[in-house]
Amino acid sequence: MADGGWIKLYRNIREHWIWEDPVKLKWWLDILLQANHQDKTINLGNELLEIKRGSFHTSELKLCDRWSVSKTTVRRFLSLLENDSMIVLKKSKKGTTLEVCNYNDYQGISEDEKTVEKPQKNHEVDHKSTIEEPYGIPQKNHTVYTNKNEKKDKNDKEGKEREEEPPILSPLSNLTQFEEVFLKQYGETSYRTWLEPCEVKDTVKEVLIVAPSDFTKSILESRYKDGMELLCKKKIEIKGSA
């Protein structure tokens, strides 16, 4: 396989909401890989358009064809990313320029600037390596630490991390009828991620959900509300945190 460039990806992406949906995760990685690693100028008809580093020019229709989904699905996904400050969209009559926020967190060193030295046999190489907070999706107040490590120490540490057992989740119990239907329809991962953190009041005619954040509220409304109203035959009201 030819070397097509690289991006940085941190283990902590597994704690981000996008990790819970393999399809959306694939689309997000595709966006990162499409972003230009340096500024470039493209020709659109008779107009030159400058595309900044961390951006690329596309359209909803092109993404529909690329991901084999509807225009509505593409629009909703891009809206999710924009609401979570992961991208910025600049739309025009000739398409959409998509900018990845905090792009340097994914490719802080350009490939042209990166030099690799191969140590000879029986020759120890002492070098400085940059240890960054392991965030898959860049966080605010991102801190970078520099430390001196040998390759063996790094491999030992990664080996121990791989050996760590996953946390044991408490069994689900005392669910309302609404929660049981949600769990059966969408699965345990979706339930624990989006509905379990909420306060659910299930009455005869309606269901009131109090979400812990406005973002959780938007996910429940856009992804689950319509389907659950059909299944439960009840009106569902979703409120965000006060």
C-alpha atoms as a PDB file:
ATOM      1  CA  MET A   1       0.000   0.000   0.000  1.00  0.00           C
ATOM      2  CA  ALA A   2       1.405   3.386  -0.979  1.00  0.00           C
ATOM      3  CA  ASP A   3       2.152   5.950   1.703  1.00  0.00           C
ATOM      4  CA  GLY A   4      -0.772   8.361   1.480  1.00  0.00           C
ATOM      5  CA  GLY A   5       0.109  10.469   4.511  1.00  0.00           C
ATOM      6  CA  TRP A   6      -0.971  10.222   8.119  1.00  0.00           C
ATOM      7  CA  ILE A   7      -3.029  11.794  10.881  1.00  0.00           C
ATOM      8  CA  LYS A   8      -2.782  11.484  14.657  1.00  0.00           C
ATOM      9  CA  LEU A   9      -5.516   9.567  16.436  1.00  0.00           C
ATOM     10  CA  TYR A  10      -5.662   9.291  20.225  1.00  0.00           C
ATOM     11  CA  ARG A  11      -7.088   6.434  22.271  1.00  0.00           C
ATOM     12  CA  ASN A  12      -9.455   8.772  24.062  1.00  0.00           C
ATOM     13  CA  ILE A  13     -11.612   8.953  20.928  1.00  0.00           C
ATOM     14  CA  ARG A  14     -13.277   5.861  22.405  1.00  0.00           C
ATOM     15  CA  GLU A  15     -14.854   8.135  25.032  1.00  0.00           C
ATOM     16  CA  HIS A  16     -16.383  10.456  22.412  1.00  0.00           C
ATOM     17  CA  TRP A  17     -19.979  10.093  21.214  1.00  0.00           C
ATOM     18  CA  ILE A  18     -18.890   9.468  17.632  1.00  0.00           C
ATOM     19  CA  TRP A  19     -17.194   6.211  18.661  1.00  0.00           C
ATOM     20  CA  GLU A  20     -20.615   4.710  19.477  1.00  0.00           C
ATOM     21  CA  ASP A  21     -21.678   4.792  15.817  1.00  0.00           C
ATOM     22  CA  PRO A  22     -19.270   2.913  13.492  1.00  0.00           C
ATOM     23  CA  VAL A  23     -20.735   4.521  10.366  1.00  0.00           C
ATOM     24  CA  LYS A  24     -20.421   8.084  11.649  1.00  0.00           C
ATOM     25  CA  LEU A  25     -16.931   7.284  12.938  1.00  0.00           C
ATOM     26  CA  LYS A  26     -15.962   6.158   9.428  1.00  0.00           C
ATOM     27  CA  TRP A  27     -17.357   9.374   7.933  1.00  0.00           C
ATOM     28  CA  TRP A  28     -15.487  11.486  10.500  1.00  0.00           C
ATOM     29  CA  LEU A  29     -12.175   9.742   9.734  1.00  0.00           C
ATOM     30  CA  ASP A  30     -12.853  10.233   6.034  1.00  0.00           C
ATOM     31  CA  ILE A  31     -13.271  13.973   6.650  1.00  0.00           C
ATOM     32  CA  LEU A  32      -9.954  14.106   8.529  1.00  0.00           C
ATOM     33  CA  LEU A  33      -8.194  12.270   5.702  1.00  0.00           C
ATOM     34  CA  GLN A  34      -9.679  14.549   3.026  1.00  0.00           C
ATOM     35  CA  ALA A  35      -8.515  17.740   4.762  1.00  0.00           C
ATOM     36  CA  ASN A  36      -5.505  19.397   3.101  1.00  0.00           C
ATOM     37  CA  HIS A  37      -2.301  19.251   5.155  1.00  0.00           C
ATOM     38  CA  GLN A  38      -1.177  22.534   3.590  1.00  0.00           C
ATOM     39  CA  ASP A  39      -2.752  25.566   1.907  1.00  0.00           C
ATOM     40  CA  LYS A  40      -3.675  25.106  -1.763  1.00  0.00           C
ATOM     41  CA  THR A  41      -5.528  26.958  -4.525  1.00  0.00           C
ATOM     42  CA  ILE A  42      -8.155  25.253  -6.687  1.00  0.00           C
ATOM     43  CA  ASN A  43      -9.898  26.362  -9.879  1.00  0.00           C
ATOM     44  CA  LEU A  44     -13.715  26.465  -9.807  1.00  0.00           C
ATOM     45  CA  GLY A  45     -14.870  27.453 -13.268  1.00  0.00           C
ATOM     46  CA  ASN A  46     -13.259  30.828 -13.847  1.00  0.00           C
ATOM     47  CA  GLU A  47     -12.656  31.495 -10.179  1.00  0.00           C
ATOM     48  CA  LEU A  48      -9.632  30.625  -8.046  1.00  0.00           C
ATOM     49  CA  LEU A  49     -10.452  29.521  -4.509  1.00  0.00           C
ATOM     50  CA  GLU A  50      -7.863  29.294  -1.732  1.00  0.00           C
ATOM     51  CA  ILE A  51      -8.352  26.277   0.527  1.00  0.00           C
ATOM     52  CA  LYS A  52      -6.604  26.605   3.870  1.00  0.00           C
ATOM     53  CA  ARG A  53      -4.714  23.850   5.677  1.00  0.00           C
ATOM     54  CA  GLY A  54      -7.188  21.614   7.528  1.00  0.00           C
ATOM     55  CA  SER A  55      -9.954  22.323   4.975  1.00  0.00           C
ATOM     56  CA  PHE A  56     -11.253  20.882   1.722  1.00  0.00           C
ATOM     57  CA  HIS A  57     -13.859  21.883  -0.858  1.00  0.00           C
ATOM     58  CA  THR A  58     -16.797  19.553  -1.458  1.00  0.00           C
ATOM     59  CA  SER A  59     -20.591  19.534  -1.625  1.00  0.00           C
ATOM     60  CA  GLU A  60     -23.434  17.679   0.031  1.00  0.00           C
ATOM     61  CA  LEU A  61     -24.059  15.868  -3.247  1.00  0.00           C
ATOM     62  CA  LYS A  62     -20.447  14.673  -3.482  1.00  0.00           C
ATOM     63  CA  LEU A  63     -20.572  13.388   0.096  1.00  0.00           C
ATOM     64  CA  CYS A  64     -23.868  11.614  -0.698  1.00  0.00           C
ATOM     65  CA  ASP A  65     -22.157   9.728  -3.519  1.00  0.00           C
ATOM     66  CA  ARG A  66     -19.000   9.116  -1.491  1.00  0.00           C
ATOM     67  CA  TRP A  67     -20.834   7.690   1.537  1.00  0.00           C
ATOM     68  CA  SER A  68     -23.804   6.192  -0.369  1.00  0.00           C
ATOM     69  CA  VAL A  69     -26.420   7.964   1.748  1.00  0.00           C
ATOM     70  CA  SER A  70     -29.150  10.556   1.242  1.00  0.00           C
ATOM     71  CA  LYS A  71     -28.619  14.310   1.199  1.00  0.00           C
ATOM     72  CA  THR A  72     -30.673  14.618   4.389  1.00  0.00           C
ATOM     73  CA  THR A  73     -28.400  12.138   6.186  1.00  0.00           C
ATOM     74  CA  VAL A  74     -25.287  14.046   5.112  1.00  0.00           C
ATOM     75  CA  ARG A  75     -26.807  17.371   6.181  1.00  0.00           C
ATOM     76  CA  ARG A  76     -27.767  16.049   9.626  1.00  0.00           C
ATOM     77  CA  PHE A  77     -24.323  14.537  10.196  1.00  0.00           C
ATOM     78  CA  LEU A  78     -22.503  17.726   9.225  1.00  0.00           C
ATOM     79  CA  SER A  79     -24.862  19.674  11.475  1.00  0.00           C
ATOM     80  CA  LEU A  80     -23.981  17.376  14.398  1.00  0.00           C
ATOM     81  CA  LEU A  81     -20.266  17.977  13.828  1.00  0.00           C
ATOM     82  CA  GLU A  82     -20.758  21.726  13.514  1.00  0.00           C
ATOM     83  CA  ASN A  83     -22.877  21.898  16.685  1.00  0.00           C
ATOM     84  CA  ASP A  84     -20.106  20.052  18.554  1.00  0.00           C
ATOM     85  CA  SER A  85     -17.475  22.525  17.245  1.00  0.00           C
ATOM     86  CA  MET A  86     -15.690  19.791  15.282  1.00  0.00           C
ATOM     87  CA  ILE A  87     -16.032  21.488  11.868  1.00  0.00           C
ATOM     88  CA  VAL A  88     -16.922  24.843  10.309  1.00  0.00           C
ATOM     89  CA  LEU A  89     -18.936  24.945   7.079  1.00  0.00           C
ATOM     90  CA  LYS A  90     -18.659  27.772   4.539  1.00  0.00           C
ATOM     91  CA  LYS A  91     -21.359  27.325   1.882  1.00  0.00           C
ATOM     92  CA  SER A  92     -21.599  29.044  -1.500  1.00  0.00           C
ATOM     93  CA  LYS A  93     -23.284  28.496  -4.864  1.00  0.00           C
ATOM     94  CA  LYS A  94     -20.237  26.495  -5.988  1.00  0.00           C
ATOM     95  CA  GLY A  95     -20.172  24.085  -3.078  1.00  0.00           C
ATOM     96  CA  THR A  96     -19.093  23.852   0.532  1.00  0.00           C
ATOM     97  CA  THR A  97     -15.713  24.420   2.116  1.00  0.00           C
ATOM     98  CA  LEU A  98     -15.388  22.188   5.177  1.00  0.00           C
ATOM     99  CA  GLU A  99     -12.823  23.208   7.811  1.00  0.00           C
ATOM    100  CA  VAL A 100     -11.723  20.820  10.576  1.00  0.00           C
ATOM    101  CA  CYS A 101     -11.475  22.637  13.900  1.00  0.00           C
ATOM    102  CA  ASN A 102      -8.156  22.308  15.764  1.00  0.00           C
ATOM    103  CA  TYR A 103      -6.616  20.553  12.761  1.00  0.00           C
ATOM    104  CA  ASN A 104      -3.127  20.793  14.272  1.00  0.00           C
ATOM    105  CA  ASP A 105      -4.235  18.290  16.904  1.00  0.00           C
ATOM    106  CA  TYR A 106      -4.562  15.727  14.116  1.00  0.00           C
ATOM    107  CA  GLN A 107      -1.473  16.672  12.113  1.00  0.00           C
ATOM    108  CA  GLY A 108       0.722  19.023  14.129  1.00  0.00           C
ATOM    109  CA  ILE A 109       3.880  18.270  12.147  1.00  0.00           C
ATOM    110  CA  SER A 110       3.826  18.406   8.376  1.00  0.00           C
ATOM    111  CA  GLU A 111       5.174  15.383   6.510  1.00  0.00           C
ATOM    112  CA  ASP A 112       7.808  17.498   4.761  1.00  0.00           C
ATOM    113  CA  GLU A 113       9.154  18.675   8.114  1.00  0.00           C
ATOM    114  CA  LYS A 114       9.171  15.205   9.657  1.00  0.00           C
ATOM    115  CA  THR A 115      12.566  13.482   9.472  1.00  0.00           C
ATOM    116  CA  VAL A 116      13.173   9.906  10.448  1.00  0.00           C
ATOM    117  CA  GLU A 117      16.583   8.516  11.337  1.00  0.00           C
ATOM    118  CA  LYS A 118      17.182   4.782  11.412  1.00  0.00           C
ATOM    119  CA  PRO A 119      19.584   3.819  14.215  1.00  0.00           C
ATOM    120  CA  GLN A 120      22.396   1.455  13.212  1.00  0.00           C
ATOM    121  CA  LYS A 121      22.921  -1.879  14.947  1.00  0.00           C
ATOM    122  CA  ASN A 122      24.532  -1.758  18.392  1.00  0.00           C
ATOM    123  CA  HIS A 123      24.021   1.997  18.442  1.00  0.00           C
ATOM    124  CA  GLU A 124      21.745   3.515  21.066  1.00  0.00           C
ATOM    125  CA  VAL A 125      19.855   6.626  20.053  1.00  0.00           C
ATOM    126  CA  ASP A 126      18.633   8.964  22.797  1.00  0.00           C
ATOM    127  CA  HIS A 127      15.840  11.242  21.606  1.00  0.00           C
ATOM    128  CA  LYS A 128      13.058  13.481  22.866  1.00  0.00           C
ATOM    129  CA  SER A 129       9.546  12.388  22.149  1.00  0.00           C
ATOM    130  CA  THR A 130       6.447  14.488  22.622  1.00  0.00           C
ATOM    131  CA  ILE A 131       3.808  13.012  24.899  1.00  0.00           C
ATOM    132  CA  GLU A 132       0.410  14.590  24.365  1.00  0.00           C
ATOM    133  CA  GLU A 133      -2.808  14.165  26.238  1.00  0.00           C
ATOM    134  CA  PRO A 134      -4.545  11.196  24.582  1.00  0.00           C
ATOM    135  CA  TYR A 135      -7.582  12.951  23.159  1.00  0.00           C
ATOM    136  CA  GLY A 136      -9.139  11.523  20.010  1.00  0.00           C
ATOM    137  CA  ILE A 137     -11.302  14.621  19.589  1.00  0.00           C
ATOM    138  CA  PRO A 138      -9.419  17.806  20.603  1.00  0.00           C
ATOM    139  CA  GLN A 139     -10.526  19.228  23.940  1.00  0.00           C
ATOM    140  CA  LYS A 140     -10.470  22.793  25.181  1.00  0.00           C
ATOM    141  CA  ASN A 141      -7.365  23.806  27.152  1.00  0.00           C
ATOM    142  CA  HIS A 142      -5.398  21.045  25.445  1.00  0.00           C
ATOM    143  CA  THR A 143      -2.036  20.660  27.200  1.00  0.00           C
ATOM    144  CA  VAL A 144       1.143  19.278  25.653  1.00  0.00           C
ATOM    145  CA  TYR A 145       3.936  17.789  27.746  1.00  0.00           C
ATOM    146  CA  THR A 146       7.470  16.966  26.603  1.00  0.00           C
ATOM    147  CA  ASN A 147       9.320  14.102  28.199  1.00  0.00           C
ATOM    148  CA  LYS A 148      12.409  11.999  27.457  1.00  0.00           C
ATOM    149  CA  ASN A 149      11.596   8.334  26.927  1.00  0.00           C
ATOM    150  CA  GLU A 150      13.190   5.374  25.293  1.00  0.00           C
ATOM    151  CA  LYS A 151      11.242   3.311  22.796  1.00  0.00           C
ATOM    152  CA  LYS A 152      11.276   0.290  25.097  1.00  0.00           C
ATOM    153  CA  ASP A 153       9.593   2.217  27.934  1.00  0.00           C
ATOM    154  CA  LYS A 154       6.906   3.437  25.554  1.00  0.00           C
ATOM    155  CA  ASN A 155       6.206  -0.071  24.271  1.00  0.00           C
ATOM    156  CA  ASP A 156       6.048  -1.444  27.825  1.00  0.00           C
ATOM    157  CA  LYS A 157       3.513   1.221  28.768  1.00  0.00           C
ATOM    158  CA  GLU A 158       1.359   0.547  25.712  1.00  0.00           C
ATOM    159  CA  GLY A 159       1.512  -3.172  26.446  1.00  0.00           C
ATOM    160  CA  LYS A 160       0.203  -2.633  29.960  1.00  0.00           C
ATOM    161  CA  GLU A 161      -2.626  -0.436  28.635  1.00  0.00           C
ATOM    162  CA  ARG A 162      -3.674  -3.177  26.242  1.00  0.00           C
ATOM    163  CA  GLU A 163      -3.722  -5.686  29.107  1.00  0.00           C
ATOM    164  CA  GLU A 164      -6.103  -3.576  31.203  1.00  0.00           C
ATOM    165  CA  GLU A 165      -9.518  -5.132  31.478  1.00  0.00           C
ATOM    166  CA  PRO A 166     -12.547  -3.090  30.358  1.00  0.00           C
ATOM    167  CA  PRO A 167     -14.751  -1.671  33.143  1.00  0.00           C
ATOM    168  CA  ILE A 168     -17.597  -3.875  34.349  1.00  0.00           C
ATOM    169  CA  LEU A 169     -20.953  -2.176  33.793  1.00  0.00           C
ATOM    170  CA  SER A 170     -23.686  -2.515  36.371  1.00  0.00           C
ATOM    171  CA  PRO A 171     -26.690  -4.612  35.243  1.00  0.00           C
ATOM    172  CA  LEU A 172     -29.751  -2.760  33.994  1.00  0.00           C
ATOM    173  CA  SER A 173     -32.727  -2.915  36.356  1.00  0.00           C
ATOM    174  CA  ASN A 174     -35.905  -1.074  37.382  1.00  0.00           C
ATOM    175  CA  LEU A 175     -36.506   0.189  33.846  1.00  0.00           C
ATOM    176  CA  THR A 176     -39.748   1.885  32.851  1.00  0.00           C
ATOM    177  CA  GLN A 177     -41.782   0.382  30.027  1.00  0.00           C
ATOM    178  CA  PHE A 178     -40.533   3.163  27.756  1.00  0.00           C
ATOM    179  CA  GLU A 179     -36.892   2.395  28.645  1.00  0.00           C
ATOM    180  CA  GLU A 180     -37.397  -1.318  28.001  1.00  0.00           C
ATOM    181  CA  VAL A 181     -38.792  -0.592  24.527  1.00  0.00           C
ATOM    182  CA  PHE A 182     -35.884   1.778  23.787  1.00  0.00           C
ATOM    183  CA  LEU A 183     -33.361  -0.820  24.963  1.00  0.00           C
ATOM    184  CA  LYS A 184     -34.904  -3.560  22.823  1.00  0.00           C
ATOM    185  CA  GLN A 185     -35.138  -1.332  19.742  1.00  0.00           C
ATOM    186  CA  TYR A 186     -31.754   0.431  19.812  1.00  0.00           C
ATOM    187  CA  GLY A 187     -29.502  -1.765  21.952  1.00  0.00           C
ATOM    188  CA  GLU A 188     -27.599  -1.412  25.210  1.00  0.00           C
ATOM    189  CA  THR A 189     -24.849   0.881  23.887  1.00  0.00           C
ATOM    190  CA  SER A 190     -27.312   3.507  22.654  1.00  0.00           C
ATOM    191  CA  TYR A 191     -29.354   3.185  25.849  1.00  0.00           C
ATOM    192  CA  ARG A 192     -26.379   3.659  28.184  1.00  0.00           C
ATOM    193  CA  THR A 193     -24.972   6.503  26.090  1.00  0.00           C
ATOM    194  CA  TRP A 194     -28.078   8.607  25.522  1.00  0.00           C
ATOM    195  CA  LEU A 195     -31.038   7.549  27.684  1.00  0.00           C
ATOM    196  CA  GLU A 196     -29.552   6.197  30.918  1.00  0.00           C
ATOM    197  CA  PRO A 197     -28.077   9.606  31.942  1.00  0.00           C
ATOM    198  CA  CYS A 198     -31.558  11.159  31.592  1.00  0.00           C
ATOM    199  CA  GLU A 199     -34.460  11.414  34.007  1.00  0.00           C
ATOM    200  CA  VAL A 200     -37.415   9.569  32.443  1.00  0.00           C
ATOM    201  CA  LYS A 201     -41.045  10.031  33.540  1.00  0.00           C
ATOM    202  CA  ASP A 202     -43.270   7.492  31.794  1.00  0.00           C
ATOM    203  CA  THR A 203     -47.008   8.159  32.153  1.00  0.00           C
ATOM    204  CA  VAL A 204     -50.051   6.680  30.448  1.00  0.00           C
ATOM    205  CA  LYS A 205     -50.301   9.336  27.712  1.00  0.00           C
ATOM    206  CA  GLU A 206     -46.851  10.836  27.441  1.00  0.00           C
ATOM    207  CA  VAL A 207     -43.165  10.466  28.283  1.00  0.00           C
ATOM    208  CA  LEU A 208     -41.085  13.312  29.724  1.00  0.00           C
ATOM    209  CA  ILE A 209     -37.305  13.073  29.312  1.00  0.00           C
ATOM    210  CA  VAL A 210     -35.006  15.511  31.103  1.00  0.00           C
ATOM    211  CA  ALA A 211     -31.588  15.353  29.416  1.00  0.00           C
ATOM    212  CA  PRO A 212     -28.381  16.268  31.283  1.00  0.00           C
ATOM    213  CA  SER A 213     -27.244  18.561  28.439  1.00  0.00           C
ATOM    214  CA  ASP A 214     -28.607  20.333  25.397  1.00  0.00           C
ATOM    215  CA  PHE A 215     -26.370  18.178  23.207  1.00  0.00           C
ATOM    216  CA  THR A 216     -27.914  14.953  24.560  1.00  0.00           C
ATOM    217  CA  LYS A 217     -31.340  16.540  24.030  1.00  0.00           C
ATOM    218  CA  SER A 218     -30.529  17.263  20.364  1.00  0.00           C
ATOM    219  CA  ILE A 219     -29.357  13.679  19.781  1.00  0.00           C
ATOM    220  CA  LEU A 220     -32.494  12.193  21.344  1.00  0.00           C
ATOM    221  CA  GLU A 221     -34.723  14.500  19.300  1.00  0.00           C
ATOM    222  CA  SER A 222     -32.987  13.975  15.965  1.00  0.00           C
ATOM    223  CA  ARG A 223     -32.244  10.260  16.254  1.00  0.00           C
ATOM    224  CA  TYR A 224     -34.798   8.587  18.501  1.00  0.00           C
ATOM    225  CA  LYS A 225     -37.894  10.705  19.247  1.00  0.00           C
ATOM    226  CA  ASP A 226     -39.952  10.019  16.098  1.00  0.00           C
ATOM    227  CA  GLY A 227     -39.298   6.282  16.149  1.00  0.00           C
ATOM    228  CA  MET A 228     -40.115   5.929  19.841  1.00  0.00           C
ATOM    229  CA  GLU A 229     -43.372   7.880  19.480  1.00  0.00           C
ATOM    230  CA  LEU A 230     -44.465   5.393  16.822  1.00  0.00           C
ATOM    231  CA  LEU A 231     -43.441   2.384  18.918  1.00  0.00           C
ATOM    232  CA  CYS A 232     -44.955   3.571  22.199  1.00  0.00           C
ATOM    233  CA  LYS A 233     -47.882   5.485  20.689  1.00  0.00           C
ATOM    234  CA  LYS A 234     -47.224   8.277  23.174  1.00  0.00           C
ATOM    235  CA  LYS A 235     -46.211  11.897  22.927  1.00  0.00           C
ATOM    236  CA  ILE A 236     -42.581  12.416  23.938  1.00  0.00           C
ATOM    237  CA  GLU A 237     -41.325  15.704  25.374  1.00  0.00           C
ATOM    238  CA  ILE A 238     -37.585  16.202  25.786  1.00  0.00           C
ATOM    239  CA  LYS A 239     -36.128  18.988  27.920  1.00  0.00           C
ATOM    240  CA  GLY A 240     -32.510  20.060  28.280  1.00  0.00           C
ATOM    241  CA  SER A 241     -30.699  20.879  31.492  1.00  0.00           C
ATOM    242  CA  ALA A 242     -32.043  23.919  33.277  1.00  0.00           C
END
